Amino acid sequence: MAGTPETDNIKYRFLTRFKNWSDPPFDWPCHGQRVSNICIFGVGDLPLLSRRPELFANKFYIDYEPLALDCMEQLHYRRLDMEVRAGIAAEFDTSLYAAQDFVWNHV
């Protein structure tokens, strides 16, 4: 990859894992708690998490607001269930991923 990854939230997105650090460019409001500068997601973070394009979210603690993880599992289940009931595959917009600088400028 040409360039420095994880320094620009738009140009160099980390597409597989959403993380909320306390340093820019990955500093979003944290409604859970911060431990070692990273947000441990809580129930208040669910609106943000449900809209993120990344495939995974970092970080949940099973003993800290476990309802947040339960709700994310339920959201995932409902999205899959709607696809099955409709008999169609999910519409997956690849444009966000295809437009990333590192896709076009890999070494």
C-alpha atoms as a PDB file:
ATOM      1  CA  MET A   1       0.000   0.000   0.000  1.00  0.00           C
ATOM      2  CA  ALA A   2       1.292   3.449  -0.856  1.00  0.00           C
ATOM      3  CA  GLY A   3       0.758   6.050   1.864  1.00  0.00           C
ATOM      4  CA  THR A   4       0.287   5.835   5.589  1.00  0.00           C
ATOM      5  CA  PRO A   5      -2.730   3.801   6.672  1.00  0.00           C
ATOM      6  CA  GLU A   6      -5.086   4.761   9.483  1.00  0.00           C
ATOM      7  CA  THR A   7      -4.181   8.441   9.468  1.00  0.00           C
ATOM      8  CA  ASP A   8      -7.093   9.832   7.503  1.00  0.00           C
ATOM      9  CA  ASN A   9     -10.621   8.666   8.259  1.00  0.00           C
ATOM     10  CA  ILE A  10     -11.791   9.256   4.681  1.00  0.00           C
ATOM     11  CA  LYS A  11      -8.793   8.543   2.460  1.00  0.00           C
ATOM     12  CA  TYR A  12      -7.462   5.575   4.430  1.00  0.00           C
ATOM     13  CA  ARG A  13     -10.474   3.949   6.018  1.00  0.00           C
ATOM     14  CA  PHE A  14      -9.975   0.823   8.046  1.00  0.00           C
ATOM     15  CA  LEU A  15     -12.863  -1.004   6.419  1.00  0.00           C
ATOM     16  CA  THR A  16     -13.009  -4.235   8.315  1.00  0.00           C
ATOM     17  CA  ARG A  17     -13.129  -2.999  11.900  1.00  0.00           C
ATOM     18  CA  PHE A  18     -14.771   0.079  13.420  1.00  0.00           C
ATOM     19  CA  LYS A  19     -12.812   1.418  16.342  1.00  0.00           C
ATOM     20  CA  ASN A  20     -13.345   4.477  18.472  1.00  0.00           C
ATOM     21  CA  TRP A  21     -10.031   5.676  19.848  1.00  0.00           C
ATOM     22  CA  SER A  22      -9.620   8.882  21.785  1.00  0.00           C
ATOM     23  CA  ASP A  23      -7.206  10.239  19.165  1.00  0.00           C
ATOM     24  CA  PRO A  24      -8.052  11.729  15.766  1.00  0.00           C
ATOM     25  CA  PRO A  25      -9.067  10.634  13.202  1.00  0.00           C
ATOM     26  CA  PHE A  26     -10.890   7.864  15.097  1.00  0.00           C
ATOM     27  CA  ASP A  27     -12.417   9.930  17.879  1.00  0.00           C
ATOM     28  CA  TRP A  28     -16.206   9.694  17.986  1.00  0.00           C
ATOM     29  CA  PRO A  29     -18.324  10.342  21.074  1.00  0.00           C
ATOM     30  CA  CYS A  30     -18.172   7.328  23.388  1.00  0.00           C
ATOM     31  CA  HIS A  31     -21.332   6.526  25.319  1.00  0.00           C
ATOM     32  CA  GLY A  32     -19.757   3.485  26.958  1.00  0.00           C
ATOM     33  CA  GLN A  33     -16.445   3.839  28.761  1.00  0.00           C
ATOM     34  CA  ARG A  34     -12.887   4.450  27.622  1.00  0.00           C
ATOM     35  CA  VAL A  35     -10.194   1.987  28.641  1.00  0.00           C
ATOM     36  CA  SER A  36      -6.623   2.582  27.441  1.00  0.00           C
ATOM     37  CA  ASN A  37      -7.921   5.234  25.018  1.00  0.00           C
ATOM     38  CA  ILE A  38     -10.426   2.969  23.270  1.00  0.00           C
ATOM     39  CA  CYS A  39     -14.194   3.078  23.644  1.00  0.00           C
ATOM     40  CA  ILE A  40     -15.803   0.025  25.172  1.00  0.00           C
ATOM     41  CA  PHE A  41     -19.158   0.195  23.453  1.00  0.00           C
ATOM     42  CA  GLY A  42     -22.316   0.514  25.489  1.00  0.00           C
ATOM     43  CA  VAL A  43     -26.010   0.767  24.712  1.00  0.00           C
ATOM     44  CA  GLY A  44     -25.680   4.493  23.929  1.00  0.00           C
ATOM     45  CA  ASP A  45     -23.319   3.666  21.053  1.00  0.00           C
ATOM     46  CA  LEU A  46     -25.879   1.509  19.210  1.00  0.00           C
ATOM     47  CA  PRO A  47     -27.181   4.228  16.851  1.00  0.00           C
ATOM     48  CA  LEU A  48     -23.647   4.923  15.613  1.00  0.00           C
ATOM     49  CA  LEU A  49     -22.725   1.235  15.372  1.00  0.00           C
ATOM     50  CA  SER A  50     -25.845   0.337  13.401  1.00  0.00           C
ATOM     51  CA  ARG A  51     -24.901   2.834  10.659  1.00  0.00           C
ATOM     52  CA  ARG A  52     -21.220   1.999  10.272  1.00  0.00           C
ATOM     53  CA  PRO A  53     -20.063   0.292   7.036  1.00  0.00           C
ATOM     54  CA  GLU A  54     -17.287  -1.730   8.691  1.00  0.00           C
ATOM     55  CA  LEU A  55     -17.742  -5.483   9.059  1.00  0.00           C
ATOM     56  CA  PHE A  56     -16.765  -5.678  12.743  1.00  0.00           C
ATOM     57  CA  ALA A  57     -16.745  -3.406  15.795  1.00  0.00           C
ATOM     58  CA  ASN A  58     -13.964  -3.160  18.356  1.00  0.00           C
ATOM     59  CA  LYS A  59     -14.587  -3.329  21.352  1.00  0.00           C
ATOM     60  CA  PHE A  60     -17.223  -4.900  23.560  1.00  0.00           C
ATOM     61  CA  TYR A  61     -16.726  -6.315  27.046  1.00  0.00           C
ATOM     62  CA  ILE A  62     -19.085  -9.126  27.930  1.00  0.00           C
ATOM     63  CA  ASP A  63     -19.228  -7.886  31.534  1.00  0.00           C
ATOM     64  CA  TYR A  64     -19.821  -4.225  30.622  1.00  0.00           C
ATOM     65  CA  GLU A  65     -23.289  -3.428  29.260  1.00  0.00           C
ATOM     66  CA  PRO A  66     -23.771  -6.857  27.660  1.00  0.00           C
ATOM     67  CA  LEU A  67     -27.093  -5.625  26.300  1.00  0.00           C
ATOM     68  CA  ALA A  68     -25.157  -3.608  23.691  1.00  0.00           C
ATOM     69  CA  LEU A  69     -23.677  -6.762  22.188  1.00  0.00           C
ATOM     70  CA  ASP A  70     -27.037  -8.538  22.470  1.00  0.00           C
ATOM     71  CA  CYS A  71     -28.692  -5.719  20.531  1.00  0.00           C
ATOM     72  CA  MET A  72     -26.056  -5.841  17.793  1.00  0.00           C
ATOM     73  CA  GLU A  73     -26.589  -9.588  17.479  1.00  0.00           C
ATOM     74  CA  GLN A  74     -30.342  -9.019  17.239  1.00  0.00           C
ATOM     75  CA  LEU A  75     -29.852  -6.341  14.551  1.00  0.00           C
ATOM     76  CA  HIS A  76     -27.682  -8.717  12.533  1.00  0.00           C
ATOM     77  CA  TYR A  77     -30.207 -11.540  12.949  1.00  0.00           C
ATOM     78  CA  ARG A  78     -33.126  -9.350  11.852  1.00  0.00           C
ATOM     79  CA  ARG A  79     -31.275  -8.109   8.787  1.00  0.00           C
ATOM     80  CA  LEU A  80     -30.491 -11.682   7.751  1.00  0.00           C
ATOM     81  CA  ASP A  81     -34.019 -12.846   8.547  1.00  0.00           C
ATOM     82  CA  MET A  82     -35.510 -10.127   6.324  1.00  0.00           C
ATOM     83  CA  GLU A  83     -33.301 -11.307   3.456  1.00  0.00           C
ATOM     84  CA  VAL A  84     -34.354 -14.924   3.903  1.00  0.00           C
ATOM     85  CA  ARG A  85     -38.047 -14.064   4.139  1.00  0.00           C
ATOM     86  CA  ALA A  86     -37.821 -11.882   1.043  1.00  0.00           C
ATOM     87  CA  GLY A  87     -35.886 -14.591  -0.793  1.00  0.00           C
ATOM     88  CA  ILE A  88     -33.285 -12.149  -2.000  1.00  0.00           C
ATOM     89  CA  ALA A  89     -29.654 -11.473  -1.293  1.00  0.00           C
ATOM     90  CA  ALA A  90     -28.798  -8.281   0.499  1.00  0.00           C
ATOM     91  CA  GLU A  91     -27.896  -5.275  -1.559  1.00  0.00           C
ATOM     92  CA  PHE A  92     -24.244  -4.698  -0.802  1.00  0.00           C
ATOM     93  CA  ASP A  93     -22.902  -1.369  -1.954  1.00  0.00           C
ATOM     94  CA  THR A  94     -19.265  -1.894  -2.906  1.00  0.00           C
ATOM     95  CA  SER A  95     -18.680   1.703  -4.018  1.00  0.00           C
ATOM     96  CA  LEU A  96     -17.353   2.788  -0.601  1.00  0.00           C
ATOM     97  CA  TYR A  97     -14.767   0.028  -0.681  1.00  0.00           C
ATOM     98  CA  ALA A  98     -13.871   0.319  -4.349  1.00  0.00           C
ATOM     99  CA  ALA A  99     -13.221   4.058  -4.086  1.00  0.00           C
ATOM    100  CA  GLN A 100     -10.619   3.765  -1.322  1.00  0.00           C
ATOM    101  CA  ASP A 101      -7.189   5.135  -2.133  1.00  0.00           C
ATOM    102  CA  PHE A 102      -5.389   1.970  -1.099  1.00  0.00           C
ATOM    103  CA  VAL A 103      -7.441  -0.078  -3.579  1.00  0.00           C
ATOM    104  CA  TRP A 104      -6.222   2.067  -6.436  1.00  0.00           C
ATOM    105  CA  ASN A 105      -2.665   2.708  -5.187  1.00  0.00           C
ATOM    106  CA  HIS A 106      -1.519  -0.591  -3.771  1.00  0.00           C
ATOM    107  CA  VAL A 107       2.103  -1.559  -4.294  1.00  0.00           C
END
